[in-house]
N, C-alpha and C. Protein backbone atom coordinates (compact mmCIF):
# COMPACT_ATOMS: atom_id res chain seq x y z
N SER A 1 51.18 -14.83 -58.63
CA SER A 1 50.59 -16.54 -59.70
C SER A 1 51.39 -17.61 -60.01
N SER A 2 50.90 -18.51 -60.33
CA SER A 2 51.83 -19.92 -60.24
C SER A 2 51.41 -20.21 -61.97
N GLU A 3 51.96 -21.43 -62.40
CA GLU A 3 51.58 -21.49 -63.56
C GLU A 3 51.93 -23.32 -63.14
N SER A 4 51.20 -24.74 -64.37
CA SER A 4 51.48 -26.09 -63.45
C SER A 4 51.87 -26.52 -65.10
N SER A 5 51.35 -27.64 -65.69
CA SER A 5 50.78 -28.72 -66.47
C SER A 5 50.05 -29.29 -66.34
N VAL A 6 48.98 -29.23 -66.98
CA VAL A 6 47.47 -29.73 -66.74
C VAL A 6 47.56 -31.26 -67.77
N GLY A 7 48.79 -31.12 -68.47
CA GLY A 7 48.26 -32.18 -69.40
C GLY A 7 49.77 -31.71 -71.13
N ALA A 8 49.19 -32.63 -72.34
CA ALA A 8 49.61 -32.77 -73.02
C ALA A 8 49.13 -31.02 -73.54
N ASN A 9 50.67 -30.33 -73.77
CA ASN A 9 49.99 -28.80 -74.67
C ASN A 9 49.25 -28.23 -73.83
N LEU A 10 48.89 -28.70 -72.45
CA LEU A 10 47.66 -27.44 -72.31
C LEU A 10 48.72 -27.01 -70.70
N ARG A 11 48.61 -25.61 -70.33
CA ARG A 11 48.63 -25.47 -68.92
C ARG A 11 48.29 -24.52 -68.22
N ARG A 12 47.96 -24.44 -67.42
CA ARG A 12 47.24 -24.17 -66.21
C ARG A 12 47.56 -22.68 -64.84
N ILE A 13 47.18 -21.51 -65.44
CA ILE A 13 47.89 -20.02 -65.00
C ILE A 13 47.15 -19.96 -63.73
N GLU A 14 47.46 -19.40 -62.87
CA GLU A 14 46.40 -19.20 -61.26
C GLU A 14 47.12 -17.79 -61.00
N ALA A 15 45.80 -17.07 -61.00
CA ALA A 15 46.17 -15.52 -60.58
C ALA A 15 45.51 -15.12 -59.25
N ILE A 16 46.16 -14.01 -58.27
CA ILE A 16 44.92 -13.32 -57.52
C ILE A 16 44.96 -11.99 -58.53
N THR A 17 43.86 -11.74 -57.89
CA THR A 17 43.63 -9.94 -58.28
C THR A 17 43.22 -9.36 -57.80
N SER A 18 43.31 -8.30 -57.94
CA SER A 18 42.41 -6.66 -57.22
C SER A 18 42.67 -6.87 -56.10
N PHE A 19 41.61 -7.04 -55.12
CA PHE A 19 42.08 -6.23 -54.43
C PHE A 19 42.85 -7.97 -53.09
N ASP A 20 42.95 -8.87 -52.69
CA ASP A 20 42.86 -9.93 -52.86
C ASP A 20 45.00 -9.95 -53.07
N ALA A 21 45.31 -9.88 -54.66
CA ALA A 21 45.95 -9.52 -54.41
C ALA A 21 47.19 -8.43 -53.67
N LEU A 22 46.56 -7.40 -53.16
CA LEU A 22 46.60 -6.60 -52.15
C LEU A 22 47.21 -7.78 -51.11
N ALA A 23 45.95 -7.64 -50.40
CA ALA A 23 45.99 -8.61 -49.17
C ALA A 23 47.39 -9.75 -49.43
N TYR A 24 47.49 -10.16 -50.73
CA TYR A 24 48.46 -11.47 -51.11
C TYR A 24 49.53 -10.62 -50.30
N LEU A 25 50.28 -9.21 -51.29
CA LEU A 25 51.06 -9.45 -50.90
C LEU A 25 51.91 -8.78 -49.76
N ASN A 26 50.41 -7.80 -48.65
CA ASN A 26 50.41 -7.18 -47.54
C ASN A 26 50.63 -8.62 -46.23
N ASP A 27 50.37 -10.02 -47.04
CA ASP A 27 50.21 -10.88 -45.93
C ASP A 27 51.78 -11.86 -45.99
N LEU A 28 52.79 -11.63 -47.64
CA LEU A 28 53.85 -11.72 -47.78
C LEU A 28 55.05 -11.06 -46.82
N GLU A 29 54.50 -9.52 -47.14
CA GLU A 29 55.63 -8.39 -46.29
C GLU A 29 55.01 -9.28 -44.98
N LYS A 30 54.45 -9.27 -44.75
CA LYS A 30 54.15 -9.23 -43.10
C LYS A 30 55.01 -10.29 -42.59
N ASP A 31 54.88 -11.75 -43.86
CA ASP A 31 55.90 -13.24 -43.58
C ASP A 31 57.36 -12.87 -43.43
N VAL A 32 58.03 -11.92 -44.32
CA VAL A 32 59.22 -11.54 -44.44
C VAL A 32 59.55 -10.35 -43.90
N LYS A 33 58.45 -9.16 -43.20
CA LYS A 33 58.82 -9.21 -41.93
C LYS A 33 59.87 -9.74 -40.37
N GLN A 34 59.34 -10.57 -40.29
CA GLN A 34 58.72 -11.82 -38.95
C GLN A 34 60.12 -12.35 -39.59
N SER A 35 60.31 -13.05 -40.37
CA SER A 35 61.74 -13.79 -40.59
C SER A 35 62.62 -12.83 -40.46
N ALA A 36 62.74 -11.74 -40.66
CA ALA A 36 63.48 -10.94 -41.32
C ALA A 36 64.06 -10.64 -39.16
N GLN A 37 63.09 -10.80 -38.74
CA GLN A 37 62.95 -10.16 -37.36
C GLN A 37 63.52 -11.51 -36.76
N ALA A 38 62.86 -12.45 -36.82
CA ALA A 38 63.40 -13.47 -36.18
C ALA A 38 64.82 -13.86 -36.92
N LEU A 39 65.40 -13.70 -38.30
CA LEU A 39 66.61 -13.79 -38.54
C LEU A 39 67.69 -12.34 -37.40
N LYS A 40 67.03 -11.38 -37.10
CA LYS A 40 67.69 -10.13 -36.66
C LYS A 40 67.99 -9.96 -37.62
N VAL A 41 67.64 -9.56 -38.92
CA VAL A 41 68.15 -9.30 -40.16
C VAL A 41 67.39 -8.15 -40.77
N LYS A 42 67.87 -7.16 -41.44
CA LYS A 42 66.73 -5.97 -42.28
C LYS A 42 66.41 -7.31 -43.14
N PRO A 43 64.67 -6.72 -43.93
CA PRO A 43 64.38 -7.67 -44.61
C PRO A 43 65.10 -7.72 -45.88
N GLN A 44 66.02 -6.19 -46.61
CA GLN A 44 66.41 -6.53 -47.87
C GLN A 44 67.55 -7.72 -47.52
N ASP A 45 68.02 -7.93 -46.38
CA ASP A 45 69.70 -8.50 -46.03
C ASP A 45 69.01 -10.05 -45.72
N LEU A 46 67.61 -10.32 -46.04
CA LEU A 46 67.11 -11.68 -45.69
C LEU A 46 67.96 -13.04 -46.30
N PRO A 47 67.93 -12.40 -48.16
CA PRO A 47 68.30 -14.11 -48.55
C PRO A 47 69.53 -14.04 -48.45
N ASP A 48 70.90 -12.88 -48.24
CA ASP A 48 72.01 -13.49 -47.80
C ASP A 48 71.78 -13.90 -46.47
N LYS A 49 71.45 -13.35 -45.64
CA LYS A 49 71.32 -14.43 -43.83
C LYS A 49 70.66 -15.73 -44.42
N VAL A 50 69.98 -16.12 -45.30
CA VAL A 50 69.04 -17.25 -45.48
C VAL A 50 70.28 -18.17 -46.39
N GLY A 51 71.29 -17.76 -47.51
CA GLY A 51 72.20 -18.30 -47.87
C GLY A 51 73.18 -18.40 -46.58
N LEU A 52 73.20 -17.98 -45.96
CA LEU A 52 74.93 -18.31 -44.72
C LEU A 52 74.27 -19.43 -43.91
N LEU A 53 72.58 -19.09 -43.88
CA LEU A 53 72.58 -20.16 -42.53
C LEU A 53 72.52 -22.02 -43.56
N THR A 54 72.13 -21.33 -44.44
CA THR A 54 72.00 -22.94 -46.00
C THR A 54 73.43 -23.40 -45.76
N GLN A 55 74.77 -22.44 -45.89
CA GLN A 55 76.20 -23.06 -45.35
C GLN A 55 76.45 -23.79 -44.40
N LYS A 56 75.80 -22.53 -43.65
CA LYS A 56 75.99 -22.60 -41.89
C LYS A 56 75.87 -24.41 -41.54
N ILE A 57 74.30 -24.92 -41.57
CA ILE A 57 73.55 -26.11 -42.15
C ILE A 57 74.95 -26.93 -42.40
N LYS A 58 74.49 -26.88 -43.70
CA LYS A 58 76.02 -27.81 -44.52
C LYS A 58 77.17 -27.59 -43.68
N GLU A 59 77.81 -27.29 -43.19
CA GLU A 59 79.23 -27.36 -42.69
C GLU A 59 79.36 -28.52 -41.20
N LEU A 60 77.72 -27.60 -40.66
CA LEU A 60 77.96 -29.15 -39.11
C LEU A 60 77.14 -29.94 -39.67
N GLU A 61 76.87 -29.85 -40.55
CA GLU A 61 75.48 -31.46 -40.92
C GLU A 61 77.42 -32.40 -41.03
N HIS A 62 78.78 -32.19 -42.55
CA HIS A 62 79.46 -32.52 -42.30
C HIS A 62 80.19 -31.94 -41.12
N GLU A 63 80.36 -31.60 -40.40
CA GLU A 63 81.45 -31.96 -38.97
C GLU A 63 80.42 -33.01 -38.24
N LEU A 64 79.31 -33.03 -37.82
CA LEU A 64 78.51 -34.21 -37.26
C LEU A 64 79.11 -35.67 -37.78
N LYS A 65 79.06 -35.58 -39.71
CA LYS A 65 79.23 -36.44 -40.02
C LYS A 65 80.40 -37.49 -39.35
N THR A 66 81.14 -36.44 -40.02
CA THR A 66 83.00 -36.91 -39.69
C THR A 66 83.32 -37.25 -37.91
N ALA A 67 82.44 -36.88 -36.99
CA ALA A 67 82.31 -36.86 -35.47
C ALA A 67 82.60 -37.90 -35.55
N LYS A 68 81.00 -38.16 -36.05
CA LYS A 68 80.55 -39.97 -35.94
C LYS A 68 81.19 -40.67 -36.07
N GLN A 69 81.83 -40.72 -37.12
CA GLN A 69 83.07 -41.87 -38.07
C GLN A 69 84.12 -42.10 -37.12
N SER A 70 84.41 -40.65 -36.64
CA SER A 70 85.81 -39.87 -36.12
C SER A 70 85.42 -40.62 -34.51
N GLY A 71 83.77 -41.04 -34.25
CA GLY A 71 83.68 -41.38 -32.97
C GLY A 71 84.15 -43.05 -33.23
N SER A 72 82.87 -43.73 -33.56
CA SER A 72 83.57 -45.04 -34.69
C SER A 72 85.14 -45.44 -34.71
N GLN A 73 85.97 -44.70 -35.11
CA GLN A 73 87.29 -44.62 -35.14
C GLN A 73 87.69 -44.87 -33.70
N ALA A 74 87.42 -43.65 -32.94
CA ALA A 74 87.80 -44.04 -32.09
C ALA A 74 88.19 -45.67 -31.13
N SER A 75 85.96 -46.00 -31.33
CA SER A 75 86.14 -47.14 -30.37
C SER A 75 87.17 -48.78 -30.91
N ASP A 76 86.95 -48.84 -32.22
CA ASP A 76 88.17 -49.24 -32.79
C ASP A 76 89.18 -49.49 -32.18
N ASP A 77 90.00 -47.96 -33.12
CA ASP A 77 91.44 -47.98 -31.78
C ASP A 77 91.09 -48.46 -30.45
N LEU A 78 90.26 -47.95 -29.83
CA LEU A 78 90.56 -47.84 -27.81
C LEU A 78 90.94 -49.77 -27.74
N ASN A 79 89.60 -50.29 -28.64
CA ASN A 79 89.26 -52.21 -28.69
C ASN A 79 90.62 -52.69 -28.90
N ARG A 80 91.29 -52.15 -29.61
CA ARG A 80 92.91 -52.84 -30.46
C ARG A 80 93.40 -51.93 -29.64
N LEU A 81 93.67 -51.09 -29.47
CA LEU A 81 95.17 -51.05 -28.46
C LEU A 81 95.00 -52.21 -27.15
N LEU A 82 93.39 -52.07 -26.40
CA LEU A 82 93.25 -52.33 -25.15
C LEU A 82 93.57 -54.22 -24.88
N SER A 83 93.25 -54.91 -26.63
CA SER A 83 93.34 -56.20 -26.20
C SER A 83 94.89 -56.46 -27.06
N SER A 84 95.82 -55.59 -26.91
CA SER A 84 97.02 -55.54 -26.86
C SER A 84 98.16 -55.07 -26.02
N ALA A 85 97.69 -54.85 -24.80
CA ALA A 85 98.61 -54.38 -24.07
C ALA A 85 98.93 -55.66 -23.31
N TYR A 86 99.98 -55.10 -22.50
CA TYR A 86 101.17 -55.72 -22.26
C TYR A 86 101.43 -55.59 -20.95
N GLU A 87 101.25 -56.25 -19.91
CA GLU A 87 101.50 -56.69 -18.45
C GLU A 87 103.03 -56.28 -18.31
N LEU A 88 103.11 -55.08 -16.91
CA LEU A 88 104.09 -55.67 -16.17
C LEU A 88 103.22 -54.85 -14.25
N SER A 89 103.39 -54.79 -13.26
CA SER A 89 102.81 -54.49 -12.63
C SER A 89 101.74 -54.09 -12.11
N TYR A 90 101.34 -53.29 -14.06
CA TYR A 90 100.20 -52.21 -14.58
C TYR A 90 100.08 -52.56 -16.57
N PRO A 91 98.97 -52.57 -16.51
CA PRO A 91 98.95 -52.78 -18.15
C PRO A 91 99.64 -51.46 -18.83
N VAL A 92 100.32 -51.68 -19.74
CA VAL A 92 100.81 -50.81 -20.46
C VAL A 92 100.21 -50.97 -22.29
N VAL A 93 99.44 -50.11 -22.54
CA VAL A 93 99.27 -49.63 -23.79
C VAL A 93 100.24 -49.28 -25.02
N ILE A 94 100.61 -50.17 -26.11
CA ILE A 94 101.62 -49.46 -26.64
C ILE A 94 100.97 -49.20 -28.47
N GLY A 95 100.59 -48.06 -28.84
CA GLY A 95 100.67 -47.73 -30.56
C GLY A 95 100.16 -46.80 -30.85
N VAL A 96 99.90 -47.38 -32.33
CA VAL A 96 99.59 -46.08 -33.50
C VAL A 96 98.55 -46.45 -33.64
N VAL A 97 98.17 -44.48 -33.76
CA VAL A 97 96.61 -44.26 -34.33
C VAL A 97 96.78 -43.64 -35.65
N GLU A 98 95.74 -43.10 -36.13
CA GLU A 98 95.95 -42.49 -37.25
C GLU A 98 95.05 -41.50 -37.64
N GLY A 99 95.69 -39.98 -37.73
CA GLY A 99 95.04 -39.01 -37.69
C GLY A 99 94.51 -38.32 -36.64
N TYR A 100 95.14 -38.55 -35.16
CA TYR A 100 95.09 -37.43 -34.15
C TYR A 100 95.82 -36.10 -34.07
N ASP A 101 94.80 -35.58 -33.05
CA ASP A 101 95.96 -34.63 -32.97
C ASP A 101 96.12 -34.35 -31.83
N SER A 102 97.12 -33.64 -31.06
CA SER A 102 97.58 -34.06 -28.94
C SER A 102 95.73 -33.70 -28.90
N SER A 103 95.14 -32.83 -28.71
CA SER A 103 94.05 -32.95 -28.21
C SER A 103 93.04 -34.63 -27.93
N SER A 104 92.85 -34.78 -29.09
CA SER A 104 91.77 -35.99 -29.48
C SER A 104 93.04 -37.07 -28.73
N LEU A 105 94.29 -36.99 -28.62
CA LEU A 105 95.31 -38.57 -28.36
C LEU A 105 94.97 -38.09 -26.70
N ARG A 106 95.11 -36.95 -26.37
CA ARG A 106 94.66 -37.09 -24.60
C ARG A 106 93.39 -37.62 -24.14
N GLU A 107 92.49 -37.36 -25.39
CA GLU A 107 90.94 -37.92 -24.81
C GLU A 107 91.24 -39.67 -25.22
N LEU A 108 91.83 -40.03 -26.52
CA LEU A 108 92.01 -41.44 -26.52
C LEU A 108 92.55 -42.27 -24.77
N TRP A 109 93.50 -41.35 -24.79
CA TRP A 109 94.31 -41.49 -23.27
C TRP A 109 93.30 -41.93 -22.01
N ASP A 110 92.76 -40.73 -21.83
CA ASP A 110 91.54 -40.70 -20.82
C ASP A 110 91.10 -41.87 -21.54
N ARG A 111 90.54 -42.35 -22.29
CA ARG A 111 89.24 -43.52 -22.11
C ARG A 111 89.83 -44.81 -22.11
N ILE A 112 91.33 -44.79 -22.72
CA ILE A 112 92.41 -46.38 -21.93
C ILE A 112 92.45 -46.11 -20.27
N HIS A 113 92.74 -44.95 -19.72
CA HIS A 113 93.12 -45.13 -18.00
C HIS A 113 91.22 -46.06 -17.70
N GLN A 114 90.45 -44.82 -18.20
CA GLN A 114 88.86 -45.15 -17.76
C GLN A 114 88.32 -47.04 -18.34
N ASN A 115 89.02 -47.55 -18.72
CA ASN A 115 88.70 -49.12 -19.08
C ASN A 115 89.70 -49.96 -18.43
N LEU A 116 91.18 -49.48 -18.50
CA LEU A 116 92.42 -50.43 -17.53
C LEU A 116 92.05 -49.92 -15.41
N GLY A 117 91.41 -48.58 -15.31
CA GLY A 117 91.70 -48.16 -13.97
C GLY A 117 93.01 -47.84 -13.86
N GLU A 118 94.55 -48.97 -14.13
CA GLU A 118 95.51 -48.29 -14.06
C GLU A 118 96.14 -48.73 -14.91
N GLY A 119 97.24 -47.85 -15.02
CA GLY A 119 98.19 -48.49 -16.17
C GLY A 119 98.38 -47.39 -17.29
N ALA A 120 99.42 -47.96 -18.04
CA ALA A 120 99.75 -46.59 -18.81
C ALA A 120 100.04 -47.25 -20.62
N ALA A 121 100.18 -45.96 -21.26
CA ALA A 121 100.30 -46.03 -22.58
C ALA A 121 101.69 -44.90 -23.27
N VAL A 122 101.51 -45.86 -24.26
CA VAL A 122 102.64 -44.54 -25.10
C VAL A 122 102.25 -44.67 -26.64
N LEU A 123 101.83 -44.03 -27.27
CA LEU A 123 100.91 -43.86 -28.23
C LEU A 123 101.55 -42.53 -29.10
N ALA A 124 101.08 -43.37 -30.29
CA ALA A 124 101.84 -42.30 -31.55
C ALA A 124 100.70 -41.77 -32.80
N THR A 125 100.33 -41.05 -33.21
CA THR A 125 100.56 -41.06 -34.26
C THR A 125 100.87 -40.01 -35.57
N VAL A 126 100.25 -39.32 -36.56
CA VAL A 126 100.44 -38.11 -37.89
C VAL A 126 99.41 -37.85 -37.85
N LYS A 127 99.56 -36.31 -37.42
CA LYS A 127 98.61 -35.40 -37.99
C LYS A 127 99.08 -34.35 -39.16
N ASP A 128 98.78 -33.94 -40.24
CA ASP A 128 99.12 -33.60 -41.28
C ASP A 128 100.16 -33.35 -41.89
N GLY A 129 100.91 -34.70 -41.68
CA GLY A 129 102.23 -35.01 -41.95
C GLY A 129 102.81 -35.04 -40.50
N ALA A 130 102.91 -34.50 -39.69
CA ALA A 130 103.49 -33.75 -38.21
C ALA A 130 103.88 -35.44 -37.66
N PRO A 131 104.30 -36.11 -36.84
CA PRO A 131 104.49 -36.91 -36.00
C PRO A 131 104.27 -36.56 -34.65
N LEU A 132 103.34 -36.97 -33.85
CA LEU A 132 103.45 -36.84 -32.32
C LEU A 132 103.37 -38.19 -31.89
N LEU A 133 103.86 -37.56 -30.30
CA LEU A 133 104.14 -38.90 -29.51
C LEU A 133 103.82 -38.46 -28.47
N LEU A 134 103.03 -39.52 -27.31
CA LEU A 134 102.13 -39.19 -26.17
C LEU A 134 102.38 -40.51 -25.05
N ALA A 135 103.22 -40.05 -24.08
CA ALA A 135 103.65 -40.96 -22.61
C ALA A 135 102.30 -40.79 -21.69
N ALA A 136 101.17 -41.52 -20.83
CA ALA A 136 101.00 -41.25 -20.13
C ALA A 136 100.76 -42.79 -18.71
N ALA A 137 100.37 -42.13 -17.66
CA ALA A 137 99.97 -43.31 -17.09
C ALA A 137 99.38 -43.28 -15.61
N SER A 138 99.00 -43.72 -14.67
CA SER A 138 98.06 -43.97 -13.94
C SER A 138 98.70 -42.95 -12.83
N LYS A 139 97.90 -42.98 -11.42
CA LYS A 139 99.14 -42.67 -10.74
C LYS A 139 99.78 -43.88 -10.22
N LYS A 140 99.76 -45.34 -9.58
CA LYS A 140 99.95 -46.15 -9.79
C LYS A 140 100.96 -46.70 -10.11
N ALA A 141 101.33 -46.27 -11.89
CA ALA A 141 102.31 -46.97 -12.52
C ALA A 141 103.54 -45.86 -12.53
N VAL A 142 102.74 -44.18 -12.12
CA VAL A 142 103.84 -43.33 -11.71
C VAL A 142 104.34 -43.86 -10.48
N GLU A 143 104.23 -44.44 -9.44
CA GLU A 143 104.36 -44.34 -8.27
C GLU A 143 105.25 -46.37 -8.43
N GLU A 144 104.91 -47.49 -9.61
CA GLU A 144 105.35 -48.19 -9.48
C GLU A 144 107.18 -47.93 -11.03
N GLY A 145 107.50 -46.60 -11.32
CA GLY A 145 108.56 -46.49 -11.48
C GLY A 145 107.80 -45.33 -13.28
N PHE A 146 107.00 -45.47 -13.76
CA PHE A 146 106.46 -45.17 -15.16
C PHE A 146 106.98 -43.70 -15.00
N HIS A 147 107.65 -42.71 -15.31
CA HIS A 147 108.16 -41.88 -15.80
C HIS A 147 107.84 -40.96 -16.92
N ALA A 148 106.70 -40.39 -17.96
CA ALA A 148 106.21 -39.72 -18.77
C ALA A 148 106.77 -39.18 -19.90
N GLY A 149 107.39 -38.32 -18.35
CA GLY A 149 108.54 -37.10 -18.75
C GLY A 149 109.55 -37.71 -20.13
N ASN A 150 110.76 -38.29 -19.16
CA ASN A 150 111.94 -39.15 -18.76
C ASN A 150 111.55 -40.11 -20.62
N LEU A 151 110.65 -40.50 -20.41
CA LEU A 151 110.71 -41.91 -21.77
C LEU A 151 110.43 -40.59 -22.97
N ILE A 152 109.57 -39.91 -22.72
CA ILE A 152 109.42 -39.01 -24.03
C ILE A 152 110.58 -38.62 -24.34
N LYS A 153 111.00 -37.80 -23.45
CA LYS A 153 112.35 -37.48 -24.38
C LYS A 153 113.94 -38.20 -24.59
N GLN A 154 113.78 -39.91 -23.87
CA GLN A 154 114.20 -41.04 -24.84
C GLN A 154 113.89 -41.17 -26.06
N ILE A 155 112.62 -41.20 -26.32
CA ILE A 155 112.24 -41.54 -27.64
C ILE A 155 111.66 -40.29 -28.51
N ALA A 156 112.20 -39.22 -28.22
CA ALA A 156 111.42 -38.00 -29.44
C ALA A 156 112.29 -37.89 -30.53
N PRO A 157 113.63 -38.59 -30.08
CA PRO A 157 114.55 -38.02 -31.17
C PRO A 157 114.94 -39.18 -32.18
N GLN A 158 114.12 -40.47 -32.58
CA GLN A 158 113.60 -40.80 -33.47
C GLN A 158 112.20 -40.04 -34.91
N ILE A 159 111.50 -38.70 -33.93
CA ILE A 159 110.97 -38.45 -34.81
C ILE A 159 111.73 -37.57 -35.45
N GLN A 160 112.92 -37.28 -34.41
CA GLN A 160 113.51 -35.97 -35.15
C GLN A 160 112.86 -34.07 -34.20
N GLY A 161 112.38 -34.72 -33.24
CA GLY A 161 111.18 -33.81 -32.18
C GLY A 161 111.86 -33.75 -30.75
N GLY A 162 110.81 -33.46 -30.09
CA GLY A 162 111.41 -32.55 -28.78
C GLY A 162 110.42 -33.45 -27.93
N GLY A 163 110.34 -32.73 -26.67
CA GLY A 163 109.38 -33.10 -25.68
C GLY A 163 109.64 -33.04 -24.23
N GLY A 164 108.63 -33.38 -23.79
CA GLY A 164 108.94 -33.84 -22.08
C GLY A 164 107.42 -33.32 -21.36
N GLY A 165 108.09 -33.35 -20.30
CA GLY A 165 106.09 -33.42 -19.34
C GLY A 165 106.44 -34.29 -17.64
N LYS A 166 105.63 -33.85 -17.32
CA LYS A 166 105.77 -34.70 -15.85
C LYS A 166 105.69 -35.57 -16.07
N PRO A 167 105.34 -36.83 -14.93
CA PRO A 167 105.41 -37.83 -14.69
C PRO A 167 104.50 -39.10 -15.00
N SER A 168 103.34 -38.04 -15.27
CA SER A 168 101.85 -38.88 -15.65
C SER A 168 101.14 -39.00 -17.02
N MET A 169 102.56 -37.70 -17.55
CA MET A 169 102.13 -37.47 -18.67
C MET A 169 103.21 -36.21 -19.82
N ALA A 170 103.36 -36.62 -20.95
CA ALA A 170 104.38 -35.79 -22.14
C ALA A 170 104.02 -36.52 -23.17
N GLN A 171 104.85 -35.58 -24.09
CA GLN A 171 104.17 -35.21 -25.12
C GLN A 171 105.69 -34.44 -26.17
N ALA A 172 105.70 -35.04 -27.17
CA ALA A 172 106.26 -34.16 -27.96
C ALA A 172 105.89 -34.56 -29.77
N GLY A 173 106.62 -33.37 -30.41
CA GLY A 173 106.21 -33.78 -31.78
C GLY A 173 107.76 -33.21 -32.35
N GLY A 174 107.69 -33.68 -33.83
CA GLY A 174 108.84 -34.09 -34.28
C GLY A 174 108.80 -33.63 -36.09
N LYS A 175 109.82 -34.28 -37.24
CA LYS A 175 109.56 -33.48 -38.13
C LYS A 175 110.15 -34.77 -39.06
N ASN A 176 109.66 -36.23 -38.79
CA ASN A 176 110.03 -37.78 -39.67
C ASN A 176 109.11 -38.23 -38.43
N ALA A 177 107.98 -38.43 -39.79
CA ALA A 177 106.67 -39.53 -39.33
C ALA A 177 107.26 -40.69 -39.63
N GLN A 178 108.41 -40.77 -40.52
CA GLN A 178 109.07 -42.13 -40.46
C GLN A 178 109.56 -43.13 -39.56
N GLY A 179 110.23 -42.30 -37.87
CA GLY A 179 110.70 -43.04 -36.77
C GLY A 179 109.94 -43.02 -36.21
N ILE A 180 107.88 -43.09 -36.26
CA ILE A 180 106.77 -43.64 -35.27
C ILE A 180 107.04 -44.52 -34.66
N ASP A 181 107.30 -45.90 -35.63
CA ASP A 181 107.55 -47.16 -35.28
C ASP A 181 108.80 -47.25 -34.38
N GLN A 182 110.62 -46.17 -34.76
CA GLN A 182 111.70 -46.73 -34.15
C GLN A 182 111.22 -46.45 -33.29
N ALA A 183 110.78 -45.17 -32.82
CA ALA A 183 110.14 -44.60 -31.17
C ALA A 183 109.06 -45.25 -30.58
N LEU A 184 108.19 -45.85 -31.04
CA LEU A 184 107.95 -47.18 -29.85
C LEU A 184 108.33 -48.23 -29.70
N ASP A 185 109.50 -48.67 -30.78
CA ASP A 185 110.70 -49.52 -30.27
C ASP A 185 111.41 -49.67 -29.44
N GLU A 186 111.91 -48.94 -29.28
CA GLU A 186 111.81 -47.67 -27.99
C GLU A 186 111.62 -47.34 -26.58
N ALA A 187 110.32 -47.46 -26.89
CA ALA A 187 109.59 -47.17 -25.71
C ALA A 187 109.59 -49.01 -24.71
N ARG A 188 109.56 -50.20 -25.68
CA ARG A 188 109.30 -50.82 -25.60
C ARG A 188 110.47 -51.41 -25.02
N ARG A 189 112.06 -51.28 -25.36
CA ARG A 189 113.25 -51.59 -24.93
C ARG A 189 113.01 -51.31 -23.60
N ILE A 190 113.06 -50.12 -23.25
CA ILE A 190 113.08 -48.58 -22.14
C ILE A 190 112.05 -49.65 -21.40
N LEU A 191 110.90 -49.91 -21.53
CA LEU A 191 109.86 -50.01 -20.43
C LEU A 191 110.16 -52.10 -20.72
N GLU A 192 111.18 -52.46 -21.48
CA GLU A 192 111.55 -53.72 -21.01
C GLU A 192 110.44 -55.21 -21.79
N LEU A 193 109.68 -54.47 -22.73
CA LEU A 193 108.38 -55.01 -22.84
C LEU A 193 109.02 -56.52 -23.90
N LYS A 194 109.70 -55.91 -24.42
CA LYS A 194 110.33 -57.40 -25.44
C LYS A 194 111.44 -58.27 -24.54
């Protein structure tokens, strides 16, 4: 049955009676069973499952929105870094980006590498209060003398951290986010970019 307003102080009440009511309930039970089967739950668990799915949809929508914003931020960061590249016998990108983790920092290097073709980068970020450094280089830059692992070992103390790696890629974490600028300045000095 349903109730609705049809005017001032007037209500309309609609109801299903007799055999129509039984047919309605049978159809409703069929719909509930089909929905429960589709969601792989018992009919009595259907409300809880729908609640969980609704919550999951909200979480996924939030993640998608965040990912779109991150994608836009990554493009802005990429353009800013590329436009400020130093030129040795290969281009070198040095800069700070905000809120990246180690995985997204490596992805940013991949995008820089794709755009530069050959080159190197020294990147810094702070995620949840913790500083992170990454140095990476193309094959040509390594052949020209860039060694990411050695560079990271030399600049990581500026963030009270340590790390290292291969000539083509190295990372370091630390405790002092305030030291990021000094670490990048040290990288510029080592690479003779100043």
